[in-house]
Every structure is written in C-alpha cells, then in structure tokens.
C-alpha cells in the first residue's frame, strides 16, 4: 500500500505544492529561500522521503509566510500518507552532531500535536532564512502531522550547523518513527487509534 500524499495550499501570501512518499523517492525543492531549500533537501535525504516542494510567496516581506506554510503543507501530507498508522514503529529518537553542534530529536506519532523546541540560536539570517524560522517550521509540521516532537540543540556556536543538525535530527527521528515494524500487526496503541 502506497504511503503517499499531495497537498496544495494557496493563500493571499503563498502558493505551495507538496508531495510526500514515506517510503522514498526523488527530492525536488524550490521555495525561493536558498538556505531553506537546502534544509528541505536534507529532510528528504536523511528522512528517506520522496519529497517535492514548490513554493512561491511574498518574499519581499521575508521568508516567514513561505517557511510556515511549507511546514503546514508538509505536515498535512505526512498525516495523510500515514493513514491509520497501522504497522509503524511510532517512536523515533536520535542525536545528530554537525561539527561543533549537537541536536537531538524525539518523535511520537501520537495523534496529539505538540512541538517542544529548545535551541539557543543566535539572531541571524542565512541566505534569507531567519534563524527563528526553524522553530516556526517544526511547529507547523508537528501540528499538522499530529506529531509530538521534542527537538533542540545541546550546544554549538555556528548557526548554520545548529539549524542543519536540527533538520537532520528531525529527519532521522521521523524516518525511524514512520518505518514499518514487521512485528506490529496493528496500530501501536492500547487505545487502538493514533489519529
């Protein structure tokens, strides 16, 4: 059974098209925000996702609307692709180093949206991507994919490395959480549902 979904989102501020395949595929990203494109490419590669993202938005006012709306659409696509969540591992956890920076992420495909984000990032902008948008992206994904996400950095000094470590950690934890567990015949919950 294919675990795929496509989402189109159009507002007065952005126009987003996202396709997700939880079991792999090509990664193609174009948002108009160079650093964000790089982070989404990492998400696809390290999450072993098929990920296609096309976004256009009001970048004259900054990247906030584009980043948040892409996060919303990716979250909605993950939620739809997961279906009833039967047979998944459900939990994922990893610590990822990126040179001097260390990030950690724990995910529960719980059906209960929550994002706890703890990262001490300097107030900087990297190729049009404000560091504070990292939290906005993960919050949008977690809320719309109905994930419980705990993510953050332990230490580091380079903003690029800190943010990249967060994206890689999220990707790897998500990859583990949505993986098919051969020993799990149903929905991994005593309630019988994760939606």
N, C-alpha and C. Protein backbone atom coordinates (compact mmCIF):
# COMPACT_ATOMS: atom_id res chain seq x y z
N UNK A 1 0.84 -1.18 0.00
CA UNK A 1 0.00 0.00 0.00
C UNK A 1 0.89 1.25 0.00
N UNK A 2 0.65 2.13 -0.94
CA UNK A 2 1.46 3.35 -1.06
C UNK A 2 1.19 4.29 0.10
N UNK A 3 2.27 4.81 0.66
CA UNK A 3 2.14 5.79 1.75
C UNK A 3 2.56 7.15 1.19
N UNK A 4 1.66 7.71 0.40
CA UNK A 4 1.95 8.96 -0.31
C UNK A 4 0.81 9.94 -0.11
N UNK A 5 1.12 11.20 -0.32
CA UNK A 5 0.08 12.23 -0.27
C UNK A 5 0.59 13.47 -0.98
N UNK A 6 -0.35 14.22 -1.55
CA UNK A 6 -0.05 15.51 -2.18
C UNK A 6 -0.97 16.56 -1.59
N UNK A 7 -0.41 17.72 -1.32
CA UNK A 7 -1.16 18.82 -0.72
C UNK A 7 -0.89 20.09 -1.52
N UNK A 8 -1.94 20.81 -1.86
CA UNK A 8 -1.81 22.14 -2.46
C UNK A 8 -2.43 23.13 -1.48
N UNK A 9 -1.69 24.21 -1.23
CA UNK A 9 -2.15 25.22 -0.27
C UNK A 9 -1.97 26.59 -0.92
N UNK A 10 -3.06 27.33 -1.02
CA UNK A 10 -2.99 28.66 -1.62
C UNK A 10 -3.64 29.66 -0.68
N UNK A 11 -2.88 30.70 -0.34
CA UNK A 11 -3.40 31.80 0.47
C UNK A 11 -3.07 33.11 -0.26
N UNK A 12 -3.43 34.23 0.33
CA UNK A 12 -3.07 35.52 -0.25
C UNK A 12 -1.57 35.78 -0.16
N UNK A 13 -0.89 34.99 0.69
CA UNK A 13 0.54 35.20 0.91
C UNK A 13 1.43 34.19 0.20
N UNK A 14 0.94 32.97 0.01
CA UNK A 14 1.78 31.92 -0.58
C UNK A 14 0.97 30.97 -1.46
N UNK A 15 1.69 30.28 -2.31
CA UNK A 15 1.12 29.18 -3.09
C UNK A 15 2.10 28.02 -2.99
N UNK A 16 1.64 26.92 -2.38
CA UNK A 16 2.51 25.80 -2.02
C UNK A 16 1.97 24.52 -2.65
N UNK A 17 2.88 23.70 -3.16
CA UNK A 17 2.54 22.36 -3.63
C UNK A 17 3.56 21.39 -3.02
N UNK A 18 3.06 20.36 -2.33
CA UNK A 18 3.94 19.40 -1.66
C UNK A 18 3.48 17.98 -1.99
N UNK A 19 4.43 17.10 -2.25
CA UNK A 19 4.16 15.67 -2.40
C UNK A 19 5.15 14.92 -1.52
N UNK A 20 4.63 13.96 -0.75
CA UNK A 20 5.45 13.18 0.17
C UNK A 20 5.24 11.70 -0.09
N UNK A 21 6.33 10.94 -0.10
CA UNK A 21 6.29 9.48 -0.14
C UNK A 21 7.12 9.01 1.05
N UNK A 22 6.47 8.41 2.03
CA UNK A 22 7.16 8.00 3.25
C UNK A 22 8.16 6.88 3.01
N UNK A 23 8.08 6.23 1.85
CA UNK A 23 8.95 5.10 1.56
C UNK A 23 10.03 5.42 0.54
N UNK A 24 10.27 6.70 0.29
CA UNK A 24 11.40 7.09 -0.55
C UNK A 24 11.00 7.63 -1.90
N UNK A 25 12.01 8.15 -2.59
CA UNK A 25 11.79 8.72 -3.91
C UNK A 25 12.67 9.93 -4.12
N UNK A 26 12.40 10.64 -5.18
CA UNK A 26 13.19 11.82 -5.53
C UNK A 26 12.90 12.97 -4.58
N UNK A 27 13.90 13.84 -4.45
CA UNK A 27 13.75 15.05 -3.66
C UNK A 27 13.96 16.24 -4.60
N UNK A 28 12.93 17.06 -4.72
CA UNK A 28 12.99 18.27 -5.55
C UNK A 28 12.37 19.41 -4.76
N UNK A 29 13.14 20.47 -4.55
CA UNK A 29 12.69 21.56 -3.70
C UNK A 29 12.97 22.89 -4.36
N UNK A 30 11.97 23.78 -4.38
CA UNK A 30 12.15 25.14 -4.86
C UNK A 30 11.19 26.06 -4.11
N UNK A 31 11.73 26.81 -3.15
CA UNK A 31 10.90 27.72 -2.35
C UNK A 31 11.25 29.18 -2.56
N UNK A 32 12.37 29.44 -3.21
CA UNK A 32 12.83 30.82 -3.34
C UNK A 32 13.68 31.28 -2.18
N UNK A 33 13.85 30.41 -1.17
CA UNK A 33 14.69 30.71 0.00
C UNK A 33 15.81 29.67 0.02
N UNK A 34 16.98 30.07 -0.43
CA UNK A 34 18.07 29.13 -0.67
C UNK A 34 18.44 28.24 0.50
N UNK A 35 18.63 28.81 1.66
CA UNK A 35 19.01 28.01 2.82
C UNK A 35 17.90 27.04 3.21
N UNK A 36 16.65 27.49 3.13
CA UNK A 36 15.51 26.62 3.43
C UNK A 36 15.45 25.46 2.44
N UNK A 37 15.71 25.73 1.16
CA UNK A 37 15.76 24.65 0.17
C UNK A 37 16.77 23.59 0.59
N UNK A 38 17.94 24.05 1.02
CA UNK A 38 19.00 23.14 1.47
C UNK A 38 18.52 22.29 2.65
N UNK A 39 17.83 22.92 3.61
CA UNK A 39 17.34 22.18 4.78
C UNK A 39 16.27 21.16 4.38
N UNK A 40 15.39 21.52 3.44
CA UNK A 40 14.37 20.58 2.99
C UNK A 40 14.98 19.42 2.20
N UNK A 41 16.03 19.70 1.45
CA UNK A 41 16.75 18.61 0.77
C UNK A 41 17.34 17.65 1.78
N UNK A 42 17.89 18.18 2.88
CA UNK A 42 18.40 17.33 3.96
C UNK A 42 17.28 16.51 4.57
N UNK A 43 16.11 17.13 4.78
CA UNK A 43 14.97 16.44 5.34
C UNK A 43 14.59 15.24 4.47
N UNK A 44 14.51 15.45 3.17
CA UNK A 44 14.18 14.36 2.27
C UNK A 44 15.23 13.27 2.27
N UNK A 45 16.48 13.67 2.16
CA UNK A 45 17.59 12.71 2.08
C UNK A 45 17.73 11.89 3.35
N UNK A 46 17.81 12.57 4.50
CA UNK A 46 18.04 11.86 5.76
C UNK A 46 16.78 11.20 6.31
N UNK A 47 15.62 11.68 5.89
CA UNK A 47 14.37 11.03 6.27
C UNK A 47 13.99 9.89 5.34
N UNK A 48 14.79 9.72 4.26
CA UNK A 48 14.48 8.75 3.20
C UNK A 48 13.06 8.93 2.68
N UNK A 49 12.71 10.19 2.49
CA UNK A 49 11.40 10.54 1.96
C UNK A 49 11.49 10.88 0.48
N UNK A 50 10.46 10.56 -0.25
CA UNK A 50 10.25 11.22 -1.52
C UNK A 50 9.63 12.56 -1.16
N UNK A 51 10.23 13.65 -1.60
CA UNK A 51 9.75 14.97 -1.19
C UNK A 51 9.85 15.94 -2.34
N UNK A 52 8.70 16.46 -2.74
CA UNK A 52 8.66 17.50 -3.78
C UNK A 52 7.97 18.72 -3.18
N UNK A 53 8.66 19.85 -3.24
CA UNK A 53 8.11 21.08 -2.69
C UNK A 53 8.30 22.20 -3.69
N UNK A 54 7.20 22.84 -4.03
CA UNK A 54 7.24 24.04 -4.87
C UNK A 54 6.49 25.12 -4.13
N UNK A 55 7.15 26.26 -3.95
CA UNK A 55 6.52 27.34 -3.20
C UNK A 55 6.85 28.68 -3.81
N UNK A 56 5.84 29.53 -3.85
CA UNK A 56 6.05 30.93 -4.20
C UNK A 56 5.31 31.75 -3.17
N UNK A 57 5.93 32.84 -2.75
CA UNK A 57 5.31 33.63 -1.70
C UNK A 57 5.80 35.06 -1.71
N UNK A 58 5.32 35.80 -0.75
CA UNK A 58 5.64 37.23 -0.65
C UNK A 58 7.00 37.41 0.04
N UNK A 59 8.07 37.00 -0.63
CA UNK A 59 9.39 37.05 -0.04
C UNK A 59 9.89 38.47 0.20
N UNK A 60 9.23 39.46 -0.41
CA UNK A 60 9.60 40.84 -0.15
C UNK A 60 9.39 41.20 1.32
N UNK A 61 8.49 40.51 1.98
CA UNK A 61 8.23 40.77 3.40
C UNK A 61 9.02 39.83 4.30
N UNK A 62 9.85 38.99 3.72
CA UNK A 62 10.62 38.00 4.47
C UNK A 62 10.13 36.60 4.16
N UNK A 63 10.80 35.62 4.72
CA UNK A 63 10.50 34.22 4.41
C UNK A 63 9.51 33.57 5.37
N UNK A 64 9.02 34.32 6.35
CA UNK A 64 8.18 33.72 7.40
C UNK A 64 6.98 32.98 6.82
N UNK A 65 6.19 33.63 5.98
CA UNK A 65 4.97 33.00 5.44
C UNK A 65 5.30 31.76 4.63
N UNK A 66 6.35 31.85 3.82
CA UNK A 66 6.73 30.71 2.99
C UNK A 66 7.15 29.53 3.85
N UNK A 67 8.01 29.77 4.84
CA UNK A 67 8.52 28.68 5.68
C UNK A 67 7.38 28.05 6.48
N UNK A 68 6.54 28.87 7.10
CA UNK A 68 5.44 28.33 7.90
C UNK A 68 4.45 27.56 7.03
N UNK A 69 4.08 28.11 5.87
CA UNK A 69 3.10 27.44 5.02
C UNK A 69 3.64 26.16 4.40
N UNK A 70 4.93 26.12 4.09
CA UNK A 70 5.54 24.87 3.63
C UNK A 70 5.48 23.84 4.76
N UNK A 71 5.77 24.27 5.98
CA UNK A 71 5.68 23.36 7.12
C UNK A 71 4.27 22.82 7.31
N UNK A 72 3.28 23.68 7.17
CA UNK A 72 1.87 23.24 7.27
C UNK A 72 1.57 22.18 6.21
N UNK A 73 1.96 22.45 4.96
CA UNK A 73 1.66 21.52 3.86
C UNK A 73 2.41 20.20 4.02
N UNK A 74 3.68 20.25 4.44
CA UNK A 74 4.43 19.01 4.66
C UNK A 74 3.78 18.21 5.78
N UNK A 75 3.39 18.89 6.86
CA UNK A 75 2.72 18.20 7.96
C UNK A 75 1.42 17.55 7.52
N UNK A 76 0.62 18.26 6.75
CA UNK A 76 -0.64 17.69 6.26
C UNK A 76 -0.38 16.47 5.36
N UNK A 77 0.66 16.55 4.55
CA UNK A 77 1.00 15.44 3.66
C UNK A 77 1.46 14.22 4.46
N UNK A 78 2.29 14.43 5.47
CA UNK A 78 2.73 13.32 6.32
C UNK A 78 1.53 12.67 7.00
N UNK A 79 0.65 13.50 7.56
CA UNK A 79 -0.55 12.99 8.23
C UNK A 79 -1.38 12.12 7.29
N UNK A 80 -1.62 12.62 6.09
CA UNK A 80 -2.42 11.86 5.12
C UNK A 80 -1.71 10.59 4.68
N UNK A 81 -0.40 10.67 4.45
CA UNK A 81 0.36 9.49 3.99
C UNK A 81 0.40 8.40 5.06
N UNK A 82 0.35 8.77 6.32
CA UNK A 82 0.39 7.78 7.41
C UNK A 82 -0.92 7.00 7.54
N UNK A 83 -2.01 7.54 7.03
CA UNK A 83 -3.29 6.85 7.12
C UNK A 83 -3.67 6.56 8.57
N UNK A 84 -4.02 5.30 8.87
CA UNK A 84 -4.44 4.95 10.24
C UNK A 84 -3.26 4.61 11.15
N UNK A 85 -2.05 4.72 10.62
CA UNK A 85 -0.80 4.48 11.37
C UNK A 85 -0.54 3.01 11.69
N UNK A 86 -1.31 2.10 11.12
CA UNK A 86 -1.11 0.67 11.40
C UNK A 86 0.27 0.22 10.93
N UNK A 87 0.93 -0.56 11.78
CA UNK A 87 2.19 -1.20 11.42
C UNK A 87 3.44 -0.34 11.56
N UNK A 88 3.31 0.90 12.04
CA UNK A 88 4.50 1.75 12.15
C UNK A 88 5.21 1.53 13.49
N UNK A 89 6.47 1.96 13.55
CA UNK A 89 7.23 1.88 14.80
C UNK A 89 6.70 2.88 15.83
N UNK A 90 6.22 3.99 15.40
CA UNK A 90 5.61 5.06 16.19
C UNK A 90 6.62 6.02 16.81
N UNK A 91 7.68 5.52 17.41
CA UNK A 91 8.65 6.38 18.10
C UNK A 91 9.96 6.46 17.33
N UNK A 92 10.60 7.63 17.43
CA UNK A 92 11.93 7.80 16.85
C UNK A 92 12.73 8.75 17.71
N UNK A 93 14.02 8.45 17.86
CA UNK A 93 14.89 9.30 18.66
C UNK A 93 16.31 9.24 18.10
N UNK A 94 16.98 10.40 18.09
CA UNK A 94 18.36 10.42 17.62
C UNK A 94 19.06 11.68 18.13
N UNK A 95 20.36 11.58 18.25
CA UNK A 95 21.24 12.73 18.47
C UNK A 95 22.12 12.84 17.24
N UNK A 96 22.22 14.04 16.69
CA UNK A 96 22.98 14.25 15.45
C UNK A 96 24.03 15.34 15.67
N UNK A 97 25.31 15.00 15.45
CA UNK A 97 26.34 16.03 15.50
C UNK A 97 26.51 16.69 14.14
N UNK A 98 26.81 17.96 14.15
CA UNK A 98 27.19 18.69 12.94
C UNK A 98 28.38 19.55 13.34
N UNK A 99 29.56 19.01 13.13
CA UNK A 99 30.78 19.66 13.58
C UNK A 99 30.69 19.96 15.08
N UNK A 100 30.74 21.23 15.50
CA UNK A 100 30.74 21.55 16.93
C UNK A 100 29.34 21.54 17.54
N UNK A 101 28.30 21.40 16.72
CA UNK A 101 26.92 21.47 17.19
C UNK A 101 26.34 20.07 17.39
N UNK A 102 25.45 19.96 18.36
CA UNK A 102 24.75 18.70 18.62
C UNK A 102 23.27 18.98 18.77
N UNK A 103 22.46 18.27 18.00
CA UNK A 103 21.00 18.40 18.09
C UNK A 103 20.39 17.04 18.41
N UNK A 104 19.24 17.09 19.07
CA UNK A 104 18.53 15.87 19.42
C UNK A 104 17.06 16.02 19.05
N UNK A 105 16.45 14.91 18.68
CA UNK A 105 15.02 14.93 18.35
C UNK A 105 14.38 13.62 18.77
N UNK A 106 13.23 13.74 19.42
CA UNK A 106 12.40 12.59 19.76
C UNK A 106 11.02 12.84 19.18
N UNK A 107 10.47 11.82 18.53
CA UNK A 107 9.16 11.94 17.89
C UNK A 107 8.27 10.78 18.32
N UNK A 108 7.02 11.11 18.61
CA UNK A 108 5.96 10.13 18.83
C UNK A 108 4.85 10.46 17.83
N UNK A 109 4.54 9.50 16.98
CA UNK A 109 3.43 9.66 16.03
C UNK A 109 2.16 9.39 16.84
N UNK A 110 1.81 10.34 17.67
CA UNK A 110 0.84 10.14 18.74
C UNK A 110 -0.58 10.49 18.36
N UNK A 111 -0.75 11.33 17.34
CA UNK A 111 -2.06 11.89 17.06
C UNK A 111 -2.34 13.12 17.91
N UNK A 112 -1.38 13.48 18.79
CA UNK A 112 -1.52 14.64 19.67
C UNK A 112 -0.44 15.66 19.30
N UNK A 113 -0.80 16.72 18.61
CA UNK A 113 0.19 17.69 18.12
C UNK A 113 0.84 18.48 19.25
N UNK A 114 2.17 18.45 19.27
CA UNK A 114 2.93 19.23 20.24
C UNK A 114 4.36 19.37 19.71
N UNK A 115 4.89 20.57 19.83
CA UNK A 115 6.30 20.78 19.49
C UNK A 115 6.98 21.50 20.64
N UNK A 116 7.92 20.82 21.27
CA UNK A 116 8.76 21.43 22.30
C UNK A 116 10.11 21.68 21.64
N UNK A 117 10.45 22.94 21.50
CA UNK A 117 11.65 23.35 20.77
C UNK A 117 12.58 24.10 21.72
N UNK A 118 13.79 23.59 21.89
CA UNK A 118 14.77 24.22 22.77
C UNK A 118 16.10 24.32 22.03
N UNK A 119 16.32 25.45 21.42
CA UNK A 119 17.58 25.67 20.71
C UNK A 119 18.03 27.10 20.93
N UNK A 120 19.26 27.25 21.33
CA UNK A 120 19.81 28.57 21.58
C UNK A 120 20.53 29.04 20.32
N UNK A 121 19.75 29.65 19.41
CA UNK A 121 20.30 30.10 18.13
C UNK A 121 20.56 31.60 18.18
N UNK A 122 21.67 32.03 17.63
CA UNK A 122 21.91 33.47 17.56
C UNK A 122 20.90 34.12 16.61
N UNK A 123 20.51 35.38 16.87
CA UNK A 123 19.56 36.05 15.97
C UNK A 123 20.26 36.46 14.69
N UNK A 124 20.20 35.57 13.71
CA UNK A 124 20.91 35.81 12.46
C UNK A 124 20.04 35.38 11.29
N UNK A 125 20.46 35.75 10.10
CA UNK A 125 19.78 35.35 8.87
C UNK A 125 20.81 34.69 7.96
N UNK A 126 20.43 33.54 7.39
CA UNK A 126 21.32 32.81 6.50
C UNK A 126 20.63 32.71 5.14
N UNK A 127 21.14 33.44 4.16
CA UNK A 127 20.61 33.41 2.79
C UNK A 127 19.09 33.59 2.77
N UNK A 128 18.60 34.56 3.53
CA UNK A 128 17.17 34.87 3.54
C UNK A 128 16.35 34.09 4.53
N UNK A 129 17.00 33.23 5.32
CA UNK A 129 16.30 32.39 6.30
C UNK A 129 16.69 32.88 7.69
N UNK A 130 15.73 33.49 8.41
CA UNK A 130 15.99 33.93 9.77
C UNK A 130 16.02 32.72 10.69
N UNK A 131 17.00 32.69 11.58
CA UNK A 131 17.18 31.53 12.47
C UNK A 131 15.89 31.18 13.23
N UNK A 132 15.12 32.19 13.62
CA UNK A 132 13.89 31.95 14.38
C UNK A 132 12.84 31.17 13.59
N UNK A 133 12.98 31.11 12.27
CA UNK A 133 12.03 30.37 11.44
C UNK A 133 12.17 28.86 11.61
N UNK A 134 13.28 28.42 12.17
CA UNK A 134 13.48 26.99 12.43
C UNK A 134 12.36 26.47 13.33
N UNK A 135 12.10 27.18 14.41
CA UNK A 135 11.03 26.77 15.32
C UNK A 135 9.67 26.84 14.62
N UNK A 136 9.42 27.87 13.84
CA UNK A 136 8.14 28.01 13.14
C UNK A 136 7.89 26.82 12.21
N UNK A 137 8.93 26.38 11.52
CA UNK A 137 8.79 25.25 10.61
C UNK A 137 8.43 23.97 11.37
N UNK A 138 9.20 23.65 12.40
CA UNK A 138 8.94 22.40 13.12
C UNK A 138 7.60 22.42 13.84
N UNK A 139 7.19 23.58 14.35
CA UNK A 139 5.88 23.69 15.00
C UNK A 139 4.76 23.44 13.98
N UNK A 140 4.91 24.00 12.77
CA UNK A 140 3.89 23.82 11.73
C UNK A 140 3.80 22.36 11.30
N UNK A 141 4.94 21.70 11.13
CA UNK A 141 4.94 20.29 10.73
C UNK A 141 4.31 19.44 11.83
N UNK A 142 4.76 19.61 13.07
CA UNK A 142 4.26 18.80 14.19
C UNK A 142 2.75 18.96 14.35
N UNK A 143 2.27 20.18 14.29
CA UNK A 143 0.85 20.45 14.47
C UNK A 143 0.02 19.78 13.39
N UNK A 144 0.45 19.90 12.15
CA UNK A 144 -0.36 19.41 11.03
C UNK A 144 -0.17 17.93 10.74
N UNK A 145 0.95 17.34 11.18
CA UNK A 145 1.14 15.89 11.05
C UNK A 145 0.64 15.15 12.28
N UNK A 146 0.22 15.92 13.30
CA UNK A 146 -0.27 15.35 14.57
C UNK A 146 0.82 14.53 15.25
N UNK A 147 2.00 15.14 15.33
CA UNK A 147 3.16 14.51 15.95
C UNK A 147 3.47 15.19 17.28
N UNK A 148 3.99 14.44 18.23
CA UNK A 148 4.63 15.01 19.40
C UNK A 148 6.12 15.06 19.08
N UNK A 149 6.68 16.26 19.06
CA UNK A 149 8.08 16.46 18.68
C UNK A 149 8.80 17.22 19.78
N UNK A 150 9.89 16.65 20.25
CA UNK A 150 10.81 17.34 21.16
C UNK A 150 12.12 17.48 20.39
N UNK A 151 12.52 18.72 20.15
CA UNK A 151 13.69 18.95 19.31
C UNK A 151 14.48 20.14 19.85
N UNK A 152 15.79 20.05 19.70
CA UNK A 152 16.61 21.17 20.13
C UNK A 152 18.08 20.87 20.05
N UNK A 153 18.85 21.83 20.49
CA UNK A 153 20.31 21.69 20.46
C UNK A 153 20.84 21.58 21.88
N UNK A 154 21.91 20.83 22.03
CA UNK A 154 22.60 20.74 23.31
C UNK A 154 23.65 21.82 23.42
N UNK A 155 24.38 22.04 22.31
CA UNK A 155 25.42 23.07 22.27
C UNK A 155 25.83 23.29 20.84
N UNK A 156 26.65 24.31 20.63
CA UNK A 156 27.15 24.68 19.31
C UNK A 156 27.29 26.18 19.24
N UNK A 157 28.02 26.65 18.23
CA UNK A 157 28.26 28.09 18.11
C UNK A 157 27.92 28.63 16.73
N UNK A 158 27.91 27.78 15.72
CA UNK A 158 27.65 28.20 14.35
C UNK A 158 26.18 28.00 14.03
N UNK A 159 25.46 29.07 13.70
CA UNK A 159 24.02 28.98 13.46
C UNK A 159 23.68 28.00 12.34
N UNK A 160 24.46 28.02 11.26
CA UNK A 160 24.23 27.09 10.16
C UNK A 160 24.31 25.65 10.66
N UNK A 161 25.33 25.34 11.42
CA UNK A 161 25.50 23.97 11.93
C UNK A 161 24.38 23.59 12.89
N UNK A 162 23.98 24.52 13.76
CA UNK A 162 22.90 24.24 14.72
C UNK A 162 21.59 23.93 14.01
N UNK A 163 21.24 24.75 13.03
CA UNK A 163 19.98 24.55 12.30
C UNK A 163 20.04 23.27 11.47
N UNK A 164 21.16 23.06 10.80
CA UNK A 164 21.30 21.85 9.98
C UNK A 164 21.23 20.60 10.85
N UNK A 165 21.84 20.63 12.02
CA UNK A 165 21.76 19.48 12.93
C UNK A 165 20.31 19.21 13.34
N UNK A 166 19.52 20.27 13.57
CA UNK A 166 18.10 20.11 13.92
C UNK A 166 17.33 19.45 12.78
N UNK A 167 17.53 19.91 11.56
CA UNK A 167 16.82 19.32 10.42
C UNK A 167 17.21 17.87 10.21
N UNK A 168 18.49 17.56 10.35
CA UNK A 168 18.93 16.17 10.19
C UNK A 168 18.38 15.29 11.31
N UNK A 169 18.38 15.82 12.53
CA UNK A 169 17.84 15.04 13.65
C UNK A 169 16.35 14.78 13.47
N UNK A 170 15.61 15.80 13.06
CA UNK A 170 14.18 15.61 12.82
C UNK A 170 13.97 14.56 11.72
N UNK A 171 14.73 14.66 10.65
CA UNK A 171 14.60 13.72 9.53
C UNK A 171 14.85 12.28 9.97
N UNK A 172 15.92 12.08 10.71
CA UNK A 172 16.28 10.73 11.15
C UNK A 172 15.28 10.17 12.16
N UNK A 173 14.81 11.01 13.08
CA UNK A 173 13.81 10.54 14.05
C UNK A 173 12.49 10.22 13.35
N UNK A 174 12.10 11.06 12.39
CA UNK A 174 10.87 10.80 11.63
C UNK A 174 10.98 9.51 10.84
N UNK A 175 12.12 9.32 10.20
CA UNK A 175 12.36 8.09 9.43
C UNK A 175 12.16 6.85 10.29
N UNK A 176 12.67 6.89 11.52
CA UNK A 176 12.53 5.76 12.44
C UNK A 176 11.08 5.60 12.88
N UNK A 177 10.41 6.71 13.20
CA UNK A 177 9.06 6.65 13.74
C UNK A 177 8.03 6.15 12.72
N UNK A 178 8.19 6.52 11.45
CA UNK A 178 7.20 6.12 10.44
C UNK A 178 7.56 4.81 9.75
N UNK A 179 8.71 4.24 10.09
CA UNK A 179 9.12 2.98 9.47
C UNK A 179 8.14 1.87 9.82
N UNK A 180 7.99 0.95 8.90
CA UNK A 180 7.13 -0.21 9.14
C UNK A 180 7.84 -1.17 10.09
N UNK A 181 7.13 -1.57 11.13
CA UNK A 181 7.64 -2.52 12.11
C UNK A 181 7.08 -3.89 11.77
N UNK A 182 7.93 -4.83 11.32
CA UNK A 182 7.42 -6.14 10.91
C UNK A 182 6.72 -6.91 12.03
N UNK A 183 6.99 -6.55 13.28
CA UNK A 183 6.36 -7.24 14.40
C UNK A 183 5.07 -6.60 14.88
N UNK A 184 4.68 -5.49 14.22
CA UNK A 184 3.47 -4.77 14.63
C UNK A 184 2.36 -4.98 13.60
N UNK A 185 1.34 -5.72 13.98
CA UNK A 185 0.25 -6.04 13.04
C UNK A 185 -0.79 -4.93 12.96
N UNK A 186 -0.94 -4.17 14.02
CA UNK A 186 -2.00 -3.15 14.03
C UNK A 186 -1.47 -1.78 14.37
N UNK A 187 -2.33 -0.97 14.96
CA UNK A 187 -1.95 0.37 15.38
C UNK A 187 -1.21 0.26 16.73
N UNK A 188 0.00 0.81 16.84
CA UNK A 188 0.78 0.66 18.07
C UNK A 188 0.28 1.55 19.22
N UNK A 189 -0.90 1.20 19.73
CA UNK A 189 -1.50 1.96 20.83
C UNK A 189 -2.52 1.07 21.53
N UNK A 190 -2.56 1.16 22.88
CA UNK A 190 -3.57 0.40 23.60
C UNK A 190 -4.97 0.93 23.34
N UNK A 191 -5.07 2.18 22.86
CA UNK A 191 -6.37 2.75 22.51
C UNK A 191 -6.90 2.21 21.19
N UNK A 192 -5.99 1.70 20.35
CA UNK A 192 -6.40 1.21 19.04
C UNK A 192 -6.44 2.28 17.97
N UNK A 193 -6.02 3.51 18.33
CA UNK A 193 -6.01 4.59 17.33
C UNK A 193 -4.91 5.59 17.67
N UNK A 194 -4.34 6.17 16.62
CA UNK A 194 -3.35 7.24 16.76
C UNK A 194 -3.75 8.45 15.94
N UNK A 195 -5.01 8.58 15.62
CA UNK A 195 -5.45 9.70 14.80
C UNK A 195 -6.39 10.60 15.57
